[in-house]
Amino acid sequence: INAVVPMLFAYGREMSKEVYCDRAFDIIEQCKAETNAITKHWEQYGIKTETAGDSQALIQLQREYCDKRKCLRCRFGYEFLRGRTKIEGYRNIAIEPDLFAELY
């Protein structure tokens, strides 16, 4: 996933062939989600992964926002700090109050 999907997507963009970009997204959504410390952390607060795209997204969020304490730039962190417990959208994710507790 970390090699084929980005290369396929980059090729599609470089060649202006959307079919390759679409195929890259299809692959990542058809592959099973990975299980690791980051996905387990999110899962204990009710955010589950179903596809490789989900787990890759959570890894990216963790590394780019949580680990760098950029809560206000993250949709989850921003909504949590505003006192909201649900994010409408892709999967209508509920935010558990303890999700951000260890950051503070």
PDB file of N, CA and C in Angstrom:
ATOM      1  N   ILE A   1       0.826  -1.204   0.000  1.00  0.00           N
ATOM      2  CA  ILE A   1       0.000   0.000   0.000  1.00  0.00           C
ATOM      3  C   ILE A   1       0.859   1.251   0.000  1.00  0.00           C
ATOM      4  N   ASN A   2       1.912   1.257   0.792  1.00  0.00           N
ATOM      5  CA  ASN A   2       2.746   2.457   0.898  1.00  0.00           C
ATOM      6  C   ASN A   2       3.645   2.679  -0.313  1.00  0.00           C
ATOM      7  N   ALA A   3       3.681   1.746  -1.229  1.00  0.00           N
ATOM      8  CA  ALA A   3       4.502   1.916  -2.438  1.00  0.00           C
ATOM      9  C   ALA A   3       3.634   1.985  -3.694  1.00  0.00           C
ATOM     10  N   VAL A   4       2.772   1.006  -3.873  1.00  0.00           N
ATOM     11  CA  VAL A   4       1.984   0.911  -5.104  1.00  0.00           C
ATOM     12  C   VAL A   4       0.967   2.044  -5.225  1.00  0.00           C
ATOM     13  N   VAL A   5       0.210   2.291  -4.179  1.00  0.00           N
ATOM     14  CA  VAL A   5      -0.851   3.304  -4.251  1.00  0.00           C
ATOM     15  C   VAL A   5      -0.300   4.701  -4.537  1.00  0.00           C
ATOM     16  N   PRO A   6       0.717   5.171  -3.801  1.00  0.00           N
ATOM     17  CA  PRO A   6       1.244   6.508  -4.114  1.00  0.00           C
ATOM     18  C   PRO A   6       1.833   6.607  -5.522  1.00  0.00           C
ATOM     19  N   MET A   7       2.517   5.554  -5.971  1.00  0.00           N
ATOM     20  CA  MET A   7       3.100   5.573  -7.316  1.00  0.00           C
ATOM     21  C   MET A   7       2.011   5.607  -8.390  1.00  0.00           C
ATOM     22  N   LEU A   8       0.983   4.808  -8.205  1.00  0.00           N
ATOM     23  CA  LEU A   8      -0.120   4.779  -9.160  1.00  0.00           C
ATOM     24  C   LEU A   8      -0.823   6.136  -9.216  1.00  0.00           C
ATOM     25  N   PHE A   9      -1.041   6.713  -8.048  1.00  0.00           N
ATOM     26  CA  PHE A   9      -1.693   8.021  -7.990  1.00  0.00           C
ATOM     27  C   PHE A   9      -0.821   9.102  -8.636  1.00  0.00           C
ATOM     28  N   ALA A  10       0.465   9.104  -8.299  1.00  0.00           N
ATOM     29  CA  ALA A  10       1.390  10.096  -8.871  1.00  0.00           C
ATOM     30  C   ALA A  10       1.469   9.954 -10.392  1.00  0.00           C
ATOM     31  N   TYR A  11       1.500   8.733 -10.867  1.00  0.00           N
ATOM     32  CA  TYR A  11       1.537   8.495 -12.313  1.00  0.00           C
ATOM     33  C   TYR A  11       0.282   9.067 -12.977  1.00  0.00           C
ATOM     34  N   GLY A  12      -0.861   8.808 -12.371  1.00  0.00           N
ATOM     35  CA  GLY A  12      -2.116   9.320 -12.909  1.00  0.00           C
ATOM     36  C   GLY A  12      -2.150  10.834 -12.965  1.00  0.00           C
ATOM     37  N   ARG A  13      -1.638  11.474 -11.927  1.00  0.00           N
ATOM     38  CA  ARG A  13      -1.604  12.948 -11.920  1.00  0.00           C
ATOM     39  C   ARG A  13      -0.630  13.486 -12.950  1.00  0.00           C
ATOM     40  N   GLU A  14       0.538  12.875 -13.014  1.00  0.00           N
ATOM     41  CA  GLU A  14       1.572  13.334 -13.950  1.00  0.00           C
ATOM     42  C   GLU A  14       1.108  13.190 -15.402  1.00  0.00           C
ATOM     43  N   MET A  15       0.420  12.106 -15.687  1.00  0.00           N
ATOM     44  CA  MET A  15      -0.039  11.836 -17.053  1.00  0.00           C
ATOM     45  C   MET A  15      -1.440  12.390 -17.325  1.00  0.00           C
ATOM     46  N   SER A  16      -2.016  13.044 -16.321  1.00  0.00           N
ATOM     47  CA  SER A  16      -3.389  13.582 -16.428  1.00  0.00           C
ATOM     48  C   SER A  16      -4.388  12.489 -16.802  1.00  0.00           C
ATOM     49  N   LYS A  17      -4.219  11.330 -16.174  1.00  0.00           N
ATOM     50  CA  LYS A  17      -5.113  10.194 -16.419  1.00  0.00           C
ATOM     51  C   LYS A  17      -5.806   9.838 -15.107  1.00  0.00           C
ATOM     52  N   GLU A  18      -6.990  10.370 -14.964  1.00  0.00           N
ATOM     53  CA  GLU A  18      -7.748  10.204 -13.731  1.00  0.00           C
ATOM     54  C   GLU A  18      -8.044   8.744 -13.404  1.00  0.00           C
ATOM     55  N   VAL A  19      -8.101   7.898 -14.404  1.00  0.00           N
ATOM     56  CA  VAL A  19      -8.398   6.490 -14.186  1.00  0.00           C
ATOM     57  C   VAL A  19      -7.359   5.848 -13.253  1.00  0.00           C
ATOM     58  N   TYR A  20      -6.104   6.262 -13.343  1.00  0.00           N
ATOM     59  CA  TYR A  20      -5.065   5.716 -12.462  1.00  0.00           C
ATOM     60  C   TYR A  20      -5.234   6.231 -11.034  1.00  0.00           C
ATOM     61  N   CYS A  21      -5.597   7.480 -10.896  1.00  0.00           N
ATOM     62  CA  CYS A  21      -5.854   8.038  -9.565  1.00  0.00           C
ATOM     63  C   CYS A  21      -7.038   7.329  -8.918  1.00  0.00           C
ATOM     64  N   ASP A  22      -8.087   7.127  -9.696  1.00  0.00           N
ATOM     65  CA  ASP A  22      -9.262   6.420  -9.185  1.00  0.00           C
ATOM     66  C   ASP A  22      -8.908   4.998  -8.771  1.00  0.00           C
ATOM     67  N   ARG A  23      -8.071   4.346  -9.556  1.00  0.00           N
ATOM     68  CA  ARG A  23      -7.661   2.974  -9.233  1.00  0.00           C
ATOM     69  C   ARG A  23      -6.864   2.936  -7.933  1.00  0.00           C
ATOM     70  N   ALA A  24      -6.024   3.941  -7.712  1.00  0.00           N
ATOM     71  CA  ALA A  24      -5.259   4.014  -6.462  1.00  0.00           C
ATOM     72  C   ALA A  24      -6.207   4.098  -5.266  1.00  0.00           C
ATOM     73  N   PHE A  25      -7.233   4.934  -5.381  1.00  0.00           N
ATOM     74  CA  PHE A  25      -8.216   5.040  -4.302  1.00  0.00           C
ATOM     75  C   PHE A  25      -9.000   3.744  -4.138  1.00  0.00           C
ATOM     76  N   ASP A  26      -9.331   3.095  -5.238  1.00  0.00           N
ATOM     77  CA  ASP A  26     -10.039   1.816  -5.165  1.00  0.00           C
ATOM     78  C   ASP A  26      -9.218   0.783  -4.399  1.00  0.00           C
ATOM     79  N   ILE A  27      -7.938   0.725  -4.689  1.00  0.00           N
ATOM     80  CA  ILE A  27      -7.058  -0.247  -4.024  1.00  0.00           C
ATOM     81  C   ILE A  27      -7.030  -0.008  -2.527  1.00  0.00           C
ATOM     82  N   ILE A  28      -6.827   1.241  -2.131  1.00  0.00           N
ATOM     83  CA  ILE A  28      -6.691   1.533  -0.702  1.00  0.00           C
ATOM     84  C   ILE A  28      -8.008   1.318   0.047  1.00  0.00           C
ATOM     85  N   GLU A  29      -9.118   1.462  -0.646  1.00  0.00           N
ATOM     86  CA  GLU A  29     -10.413   1.233  -0.006  1.00  0.00           C
ATOM     87  C   GLU A  29     -10.814  -0.242  -0.012  1.00  0.00           C
ATOM     88  N   GLN A  30     -10.179  -1.053  -0.835  1.00  0.00           N
ATOM     89  CA  GLN A  30     -10.490  -2.481  -0.881  1.00  0.00           C
ATOM     90  C   GLN A  30      -9.603  -3.298   0.056  1.00  0.00           C
ATOM     91  N   CYS A  31      -8.481  -2.742   0.450  1.00  0.00           N
ATOM     92  CA  CYS A  31      -7.568  -3.458   1.343  1.00  0.00           C
ATOM     93  C   CYS A  31      -8.021  -3.315   2.792  1.00  0.00           C
ATOM     94  N   LYS A  32      -7.783  -4.359   3.538  1.00  0.00           N
ATOM     95  CA  LYS A  32      -8.139  -4.391   4.950  1.00  0.00           C
ATOM     96  C   LYS A  32      -7.311  -3.369   5.731  1.00  0.00           C
ATOM     97  N   ALA A  33      -7.901  -2.798   6.756  1.00  0.00           N
ATOM     98  CA  ALA A  33      -7.203  -1.839   7.611  1.00  0.00           C
ATOM     99  C   ALA A  33      -6.076  -2.535   8.359  1.00  0.00           C
ATOM    100  N   GLU A  34      -4.992  -1.814   8.546  1.00  0.00           N
ATOM    101  CA  GLU A  34      -3.901  -2.382   9.331  1.00  0.00           C
ATOM    102  C   GLU A  34      -4.170  -2.149  10.808  1.00  0.00           C
ATOM    103  N   THR A  35      -3.568  -2.975  11.633  1.00  0.00           N
ATOM    104  CA  THR A  35      -3.684  -2.827  13.074  1.00  0.00           C
ATOM    105  C   THR A  35      -2.302  -2.532  13.622  1.00  0.00           C
ATOM    106  N   ASN A  36      -2.194  -1.423  14.332  1.00  0.00           N
ATOM    107  CA  ASN A  36      -0.928  -1.043  14.956  1.00  0.00           C
ATOM    108  C   ASN A  36      -1.232  -0.199  16.186  1.00  0.00           C
ATOM    109  N   ALA A  37      -0.227   0.302  16.851  1.00  0.00           N
ATOM    110  CA  ALA A  37      -0.430   1.068  18.084  1.00  0.00           C
ATOM    111  C   ALA A  37      -1.306   2.296  17.856  1.00  0.00           C
ATOM    112  N   ILE A  38      -1.129   2.955  16.729  1.00  0.00           N
ATOM    113  CA  ILE A  38      -1.908   4.165  16.456  1.00  0.00           C
ATOM    114  C   ILE A  38      -3.380   3.829  16.236  1.00  0.00           C
ATOM    115  N   THR A  39      -3.670   2.832  15.421  1.00  0.00           N
ATOM    116  CA  THR A  39      -5.072   2.489  15.168  1.00  0.00           C
ATOM    117  C   THR A  39      -5.731   1.920  16.420  1.00  0.00           C
ATOM    118  N   LYS A  40      -4.977   1.196  17.233  1.00  0.00           N
ATOM    119  CA  LYS A  40      -5.517   0.680  18.495  1.00  0.00           C
ATOM    120  C   LYS A  40      -5.855   1.826  19.438  1.00  0.00           C
ATOM    121  N   HIS A  41      -5.008   2.847  19.461  1.00  0.00           N
ATOM    122  CA  HIS A  41      -5.253   4.025  20.303  1.00  0.00           C
ATOM    123  C   HIS A  41      -6.582   4.677  19.924  1.00  0.00           C
ATOM    124  N   TRP A  42      -6.796   4.913  18.639  1.00  0.00           N
ATOM    125  CA  TRP A  42      -8.029   5.554  18.183  1.00  0.00           C
ATOM    126  C   TRP A  42      -9.233   4.645  18.435  1.00  0.00           C
ATOM    127  N   GLU A  43      -9.043   3.344  18.248  1.00  0.00           N
ATOM    128  CA  GLU A  43     -10.155   2.408  18.412  1.00  0.00           C
ATOM    129  C   GLU A  43     -10.672   2.377  19.844  1.00  0.00           C
ATOM    130  N   GLN A  44      -9.783   2.535  20.806  1.00  0.00           N
ATOM    131  CA  GLN A  44     -10.239   2.496  22.195  1.00  0.00           C
ATOM    132  C   GLN A  44     -11.149   3.673  22.533  1.00  0.00           C
ATOM    133  N   TYR A  45     -11.179   4.671  21.667  1.00  0.00           N
ATOM    134  CA  TYR A  45     -12.066   5.819  21.851  1.00  0.00           C
ATOM    135  C   TYR A  45     -13.222   5.810  20.860  1.00  0.00           C
ATOM    136  N   GLY A  46     -13.439   4.680  20.226  1.00  0.00           N
ATOM    137  CA  GLY A  46     -14.605   4.516  19.379  1.00  0.00           C
ATOM    138  C   GLY A  46     -14.422   4.805  17.906  1.00  0.00           C
ATOM    139  N   ILE A  47     -13.211   5.139  17.482  1.00  0.00           N
ATOM    140  CA  ILE A  47     -12.969   5.420  16.070  1.00  0.00           C
ATOM    141  C   ILE A  47     -12.336   4.179  15.454  1.00  0.00           C
ATOM    142  N   LYS A  48     -13.127   3.465  14.675  1.00  0.00           N
ATOM    143  CA  LYS A  48     -12.687   2.193  14.113  1.00  0.00           C
ATOM    144  C   LYS A  48     -12.274   2.338  12.660  1.00  0.00           C
ATOM    145  N   THR A  49     -11.384   1.477  12.250  1.00  0.00           N
ATOM    146  CA  THR A  49     -10.931   1.468  10.862  1.00  0.00           C
ATOM    147  C   THR A  49     -11.516   0.254  10.159  1.00  0.00           C
ATOM    148  N   GLU A  50     -11.931   0.472   8.937  1.00  0.00           N
ATOM    149  CA  GLU A  50     -12.476  -0.622   8.135  1.00  0.00           C
ATOM    150  C   GLU A  50     -11.585  -0.930   6.941  1.00  0.00           C
ATOM    151  N   THR A  51     -10.944   0.091   6.406  1.00  0.00           N
ATOM    152  CA  THR A  51     -10.124  -0.086   5.205  1.00  0.00           C
ATOM    153  C   THR A  51      -8.715   0.447   5.446  1.00  0.00           C
ATOM    154  N   ALA A  52      -7.821   0.118   4.529  1.00  0.00           N
ATOM    155  CA  ALA A  52      -6.454   0.636   4.612  1.00  0.00           C
ATOM    156  C   ALA A  52      -6.455   2.159   4.517  1.00  0.00           C
ATOM    157  N   GLY A  53      -7.407   2.712   3.794  1.00  0.00           N
ATOM    158  CA  GLY A  53      -7.524   4.167   3.713  1.00  0.00           C
ATOM    159  C   GLY A  53      -7.822   4.775   5.068  1.00  0.00           C
ATOM    160  N   ASP A  54      -8.685   4.113   5.839  1.00  0.00           N
ATOM    161  CA  ASP A  54      -9.009   4.593   7.183  1.00  0.00           C
ATOM    162  C   ASP A  54      -7.777   4.577   8.081  1.00  0.00           C
ATOM    163  N   SER A  55      -7.068   3.453   8.093  1.00  0.00           N
ATOM    164  CA  SER A  55      -5.907   3.351   8.982  1.00  0.00           C
ATOM    165  C   SER A  55      -4.801   4.310   8.555  1.00  0.00           C
ATOM    166  N   GLN A  56      -4.598   4.479   7.258  1.00  0.00           N
ATOM    167  CA  GLN A  56      -3.588   5.435   6.787  1.00  0.00           C
ATOM    168  C   GLN A  56      -3.968   6.857   7.187  1.00  0.00           C
ATOM    169  N   ALA A  57      -5.259   7.169   7.138  1.00  0.00           N
ATOM    170  CA  ALA A  57      -5.721   8.505   7.527  1.00  0.00           C
ATOM    171  C   ALA A  57      -5.460   8.762   9.006  1.00  0.00           C
ATOM    172  N   LEU A  58      -5.736   7.775   9.856  1.00  0.00           N
ATOM    173  CA  LEU A  58      -5.504   7.956  11.288  1.00  0.00           C
ATOM    174  C   LEU A  58      -4.022   8.078  11.608  1.00  0.00           C
ATOM    175  N   ILE A  59      -3.199   7.332  10.911  1.00  0.00           N
ATOM    176  CA  ILE A  59      -1.748   7.443  11.101  1.00  0.00           C
ATOM    177  C   ILE A  59      -1.291   8.849  10.730  1.00  0.00           C
ATOM    178  N   GLN A  60      -1.790   9.362   9.628  1.00  0.00           N
ATOM    179  CA  GLN A  60      -1.440  10.718   9.190  1.00  0.00           C
ATOM    180  C   GLN A  60      -1.909  11.761  10.206  1.00  0.00           C
ATOM    181  N   LEU A  61      -3.149  11.638  10.682  1.00  0.00           N
ATOM    182  CA  LEU A  61      -3.651  12.570  11.695  1.00  0.00           C
ATOM    183  C   LEU A  61      -2.782  12.537  12.942  1.00  0.00           C
ATOM    184  N   GLN A  62      -2.470  11.330  13.405  1.00  0.00           N
ATOM    185  CA  GLN A  62      -1.660  11.180  14.617  1.00  0.00           C
ATOM    186  C   GLN A  62      -0.306  11.861  14.462  1.00  0.00           C
ATOM    187  N   ARG A  63       0.362  11.592  13.356  1.00  0.00           N
ATOM    188  CA  ARG A  63       1.717  12.122  13.148  1.00  0.00           C
ATOM    189  C   ARG A  63       1.745  13.619  12.883  1.00  0.00           C
ATOM    190  N   GLU A  64       0.782  14.112  12.117  1.00  0.00           N
ATOM    191  CA  GLU A  64       0.810  15.522  11.710  1.00  0.00           C
ATOM    192  C   GLU A  64       0.102  16.465  12.675  1.00  0.00           C
ATOM    193  N   TYR A  65      -0.818  15.964  13.471  1.00  0.00           N
ATOM    194  CA  TYR A  65      -1.554  16.837  14.376  1.00  0.00           C
ATOM    195  C   TYR A  65      -1.347  16.466  15.842  1.00  0.00           C
ATOM    196  N   CYS A  66      -1.709  15.247  16.226  1.00  0.00           N
ATOM    197  CA  CYS A  66      -1.636  14.853  17.638  1.00  0.00           C
ATOM    198  C   CYS A  66      -0.215  14.931  18.179  1.00  0.00           C
ATOM    199  N   ASP A  67       0.712  14.285  17.494  1.00  0.00           N
ATOM    200  CA  ASP A  67       2.093  14.256  17.978  1.00  0.00           C
ATOM    201  C   ASP A  67       2.718  15.640  18.034  1.00  0.00           C
ATOM    202  N   LYS A  68       2.247  16.544  17.194  1.00  0.00           N
ATOM    203  CA  LYS A  68       2.789  17.910  17.146  1.00  0.00           C
ATOM    204  C   LYS A  68       1.917  18.904  17.910  1.00  0.00           C
ATOM    205  N   ARG A  69       0.885  18.374  18.590  1.00  0.00           N
ATOM    206  CA  ARG A  69      -0.039  19.178  19.393  1.00  0.00           C
ATOM    207  C   ARG A  69      -0.653  20.339  18.601  1.00  0.00           C
ATOM    208  N   LYS A  70      -1.086  20.029  17.400  1.00  0.00           N
ATOM    209  CA  LYS A  70      -1.725  21.027  16.533  1.00  0.00           C
ATOM    210  C   LYS A  70      -3.238  20.795  16.519  1.00  0.00           C
ATOM    211  N   CYS A  71      -3.818  20.738  17.705  1.00  0.00           N
ATOM    212  CA  CYS A  71      -5.244  20.415  17.840  1.00  0.00           C
ATOM    213  C   CYS A  71      -6.150  21.372  17.068  1.00  0.00           C
ATOM    214  N   LEU A  72      -5.846  22.657  17.103  1.00  0.00           N
ATOM    215  CA  LEU A  72      -6.716  23.635  16.448  1.00  0.00           C
ATOM    216  C   LEU A  72      -6.692  23.521  14.929  1.00  0.00           C
ATOM    217  N   ARG A  73      -5.684  22.887  14.395  1.00  0.00           N
ATOM    218  CA  ARG A  73      -5.603  22.697  12.942  1.00  0.00           C
ATOM    219  C   ARG A  73      -6.203  21.370  12.496  1.00  0.00           C
ATOM    220  N   CYS A  74      -6.596  20.555  13.460  1.00  0.00           N
ATOM    221  CA  CYS A  74      -7.189  19.241  13.196  1.00  0.00           C
ATOM    222  C   CYS A  74      -8.695  19.322  13.422  1.00  0.00           C
ATOM    223  N   ARG A  75      -9.455  18.738  12.523  1.00  0.00           N
ATOM    224  CA  ARG A  75     -10.909  18.810  12.673  1.00  0.00           C
ATOM    225  C   ARG A  75     -11.384  18.130  13.949  1.00  0.00           C
ATOM    226  N   PHE A  76     -10.816  16.986  14.296  1.00  0.00           N
ATOM    227  CA  PHE A  76     -11.203  16.305  15.530  1.00  0.00           C
ATOM    228  C   PHE A  76     -10.877  17.169  16.738  1.00  0.00           C
ATOM    229  N   GLY A  77      -9.633  17.643  16.800  1.00  0.00           N
ATOM    230  CA  GLY A  77      -9.202  18.461  17.927  1.00  0.00           C
ATOM    231  C   GLY A  77      -9.998  19.743  18.039  1.00  0.00           C
ATOM    232  N   TYR A  78     -10.227  20.396  16.929  1.00  0.00           N
ATOM    233  CA  TYR A  78     -10.982  21.646  16.908  1.00  0.00           C
ATOM    234  C   TYR A  78     -12.403  21.438  17.432  1.00  0.00           C
ATOM    235  N   GLU A  79     -13.067  20.418  16.924  1.00  0.00           N
ATOM    236  CA  GLU A  79     -14.441  20.150  17.356  1.00  0.00           C
ATOM    237  C   GLU A  79     -14.482  19.763  18.832  1.00  0.00           C
ATOM    238  N   PHE A  80     -13.507  18.989  19.275  1.00  0.00           N
ATOM    239  CA  PHE A  80     -13.454  18.596  20.679  1.00  0.00           C
ATOM    240  C   PHE A  80     -13.284  19.822  21.568  1.00  0.00           C
ATOM    241  N   LEU A  81     -12.358  20.703  21.211  1.00  0.00           N
ATOM    242  CA  LEU A  81     -12.111  21.899  22.015  1.00  0.00           C
ATOM    243  C   LEU A  81     -13.307  22.852  22.000  1.00  0.00           C
ATOM    244  N   ARG A  82     -14.129  22.774  20.984  1.00  0.00           N
ATOM    245  CA  ARG A  82     -15.355  23.579  20.924  1.00  0.00           C
ATOM    246  C   ARG A  82     -16.472  22.944  21.747  1.00  0.00           C
ATOM    247  N   GLY A  83     -16.228  21.760  22.261  1.00  0.00           N
ATOM    248  CA  GLY A  83     -17.219  21.096  23.095  1.00  0.00           C
ATOM    249  C   GLY A  83     -18.170  20.186  22.341  1.00  0.00           C
ATOM    250  N   ARG A  84     -17.896  19.946  21.086  1.00  0.00           N
ATOM    251  CA  ARG A  84     -18.761  19.056  20.303  1.00  0.00           C
ATOM    252  C   ARG A  84     -18.340  17.610  20.517  1.00  0.00           C
ATOM    253  N   THR A  85     -19.316  16.737  20.490  1.00  0.00           N
ATOM    254  CA  THR A  85     -19.014  15.322  20.698  1.00  0.00           C
ATOM    255  C   THR A  85     -19.298  14.481  19.461  1.00  0.00           C
ATOM    256  N   LYS A  86     -19.692  15.129  18.366  1.00  0.00           N
ATOM    257  CA  LYS A  86     -19.961  14.378  17.142  1.00  0.00           C
ATOM    258  C   LYS A  86     -19.516  15.198  15.942  1.00  0.00           C
ATOM    259  N   ILE A  87     -18.878  14.533  15.002  1.00  0.00           N
ATOM    260  CA  ILE A  87     -18.456  15.185  13.767  1.00  0.00           C
ATOM    261  C   ILE A  87     -19.300  14.612  12.636  1.00  0.00           C
ATOM    262  N   GLU A  88     -20.070  15.462  12.003  1.00  0.00           N
ATOM    263  CA  GLU A  88     -20.893  15.041  10.868  1.00  0.00           C
ATOM    264  C   GLU A  88     -19.991  14.893   9.650  1.00  0.00           C
ATOM    265  N   GLY A  89     -20.271  13.939   8.825  1.00  0.00           N
ATOM    266  CA  GLY A  89     -19.478  13.801   7.610  1.00  0.00           C
ATOM    267  C   GLY A  89     -19.340  12.366   7.178  1.00  0.00           C
ATOM    268  N   TYR A  90     -18.111  11.996   6.858  1.00  0.00           N
ATOM    269  CA  TYR A  90     -17.811  10.707   6.256  1.00  0.00           C
ATOM    270  C   TYR A  90     -18.498   9.539   6.947  1.00  0.00           C
ATOM    271  N   ARG A  91     -18.319   9.430   8.243  1.00  0.00           N
ATOM    272  CA  ARG A  91     -18.952   8.326   8.978  1.00  0.00           C
ATOM    273  C   ARG A  91     -19.647   8.807  10.240  1.00  0.00           C
ATOM    274  N   ASN A  92     -19.922  10.111  10.347  1.00  0.00           N
ATOM    275  CA  ASN A  92     -20.577  10.681  11.526  1.00  0.00           C
ATOM    276  C   ASN A  92     -19.931  10.171  12.812  1.00  0.00           C
ATOM    277  N   ILE A  93     -18.690  10.517  12.995  1.00  0.00           N
ATOM    278  CA  ILE A  93     -17.881  10.002  14.091  1.00  0.00           C
ATOM    279  C   ILE A  93     -18.209  10.705  15.399  1.00  0.00           C
ATOM    280  N   ALA A  94     -18.394   9.915  16.442  1.00  0.00           N
ATOM    281  CA  ALA A  94     -18.590  10.457  17.781  1.00  0.00           C
ATOM    282  C   ALA A  94     -17.230  10.598  18.444  1.00  0.00           C
ATOM    283  N   ILE A  95     -17.017  11.725  19.111  1.00  0.00           N
ATOM    284  CA  ILE A  95     -15.741  11.977  19.783  1.00  0.00           C
ATOM    285  C   ILE A  95     -15.896  11.627  21.254  1.00  0.00           C
ATOM    286  N   GLU A  96     -15.110  10.693  21.721  1.00  0.00           N
ATOM    287  CA  GLU A  96     -15.116  10.341  23.132  1.00  0.00           C
ATOM    288  C   GLU A  96     -14.345  11.407  23.905  1.00  0.00           C
ATOM    289  N   PRO A  97     -14.855  11.861  25.059  1.00  0.00           N
ATOM    290  CA  PRO A  97     -14.183  12.913  25.822  1.00  0.00           C
ATOM    291  C   PRO A  97     -12.741  12.590  26.200  1.00  0.00           C
ATOM    292  N   ASP A  98     -12.428  11.331  26.436  1.00  0.00           N
ATOM    293  CA  ASP A  98     -11.077  10.962  26.852  1.00  0.00           C
ATOM    294  C   ASP A  98     -10.070  10.931  25.709  1.00  0.00           C
ATOM    295  N   LEU A  99     -10.520  11.095  24.482  1.00  0.00           N
ATOM    296  CA  LEU A  99      -9.636  11.001  23.328  1.00  0.00           C
ATOM    297  C   LEU A  99      -8.460  11.957  23.429  1.00  0.00           C
ATOM    298  N   PHE A 100      -8.700  13.158  23.926  1.00  0.00           N
ATOM    299  CA  PHE A 100      -7.647  14.163  23.974  1.00  0.00           C
ATOM    300  C   PHE A 100      -7.093  14.365  25.382  1.00  0.00           C
ATOM    301  N   ALA A 101      -7.617  13.641  26.360  1.00  0.00           N
ATOM    302  CA  ALA A 101      -7.222  13.839  27.752  1.00  0.00           C
ATOM    303  C   ALA A 101      -5.728  13.671  27.977  1.00  0.00           C
ATOM    304  N   GLU A 102      -5.113  12.707  27.320  1.00  0.00           N
ATOM    305  CA  GLU A 102      -3.696  12.463  27.564  1.00  0.00           C
ATOM    306  C   GLU A 102      -2.799  13.548  26.977  1.00  0.00           C
ATOM    307  N   LEU A 103      -3.361  14.421  26.138  1.00  0.00           N
ATOM    308  CA  LEU A 103      -2.568  15.517  25.588  1.00  0.00           C
ATOM    309  C   LEU A 103      -2.424  16.663  26.578  1.00  0.00           C
ATOM    310  N   TYR A 104      -3.330  16.725  27.560  1.00  0.00           N
ATOM    311  CA  TYR A 104      -3.340  17.877  28.473  1.00  0.00           C
ATOM    312  C   TYR A 104      -3.063  17.495  29.901  1.00  0.00           C
TER     313      TYR A 104
END
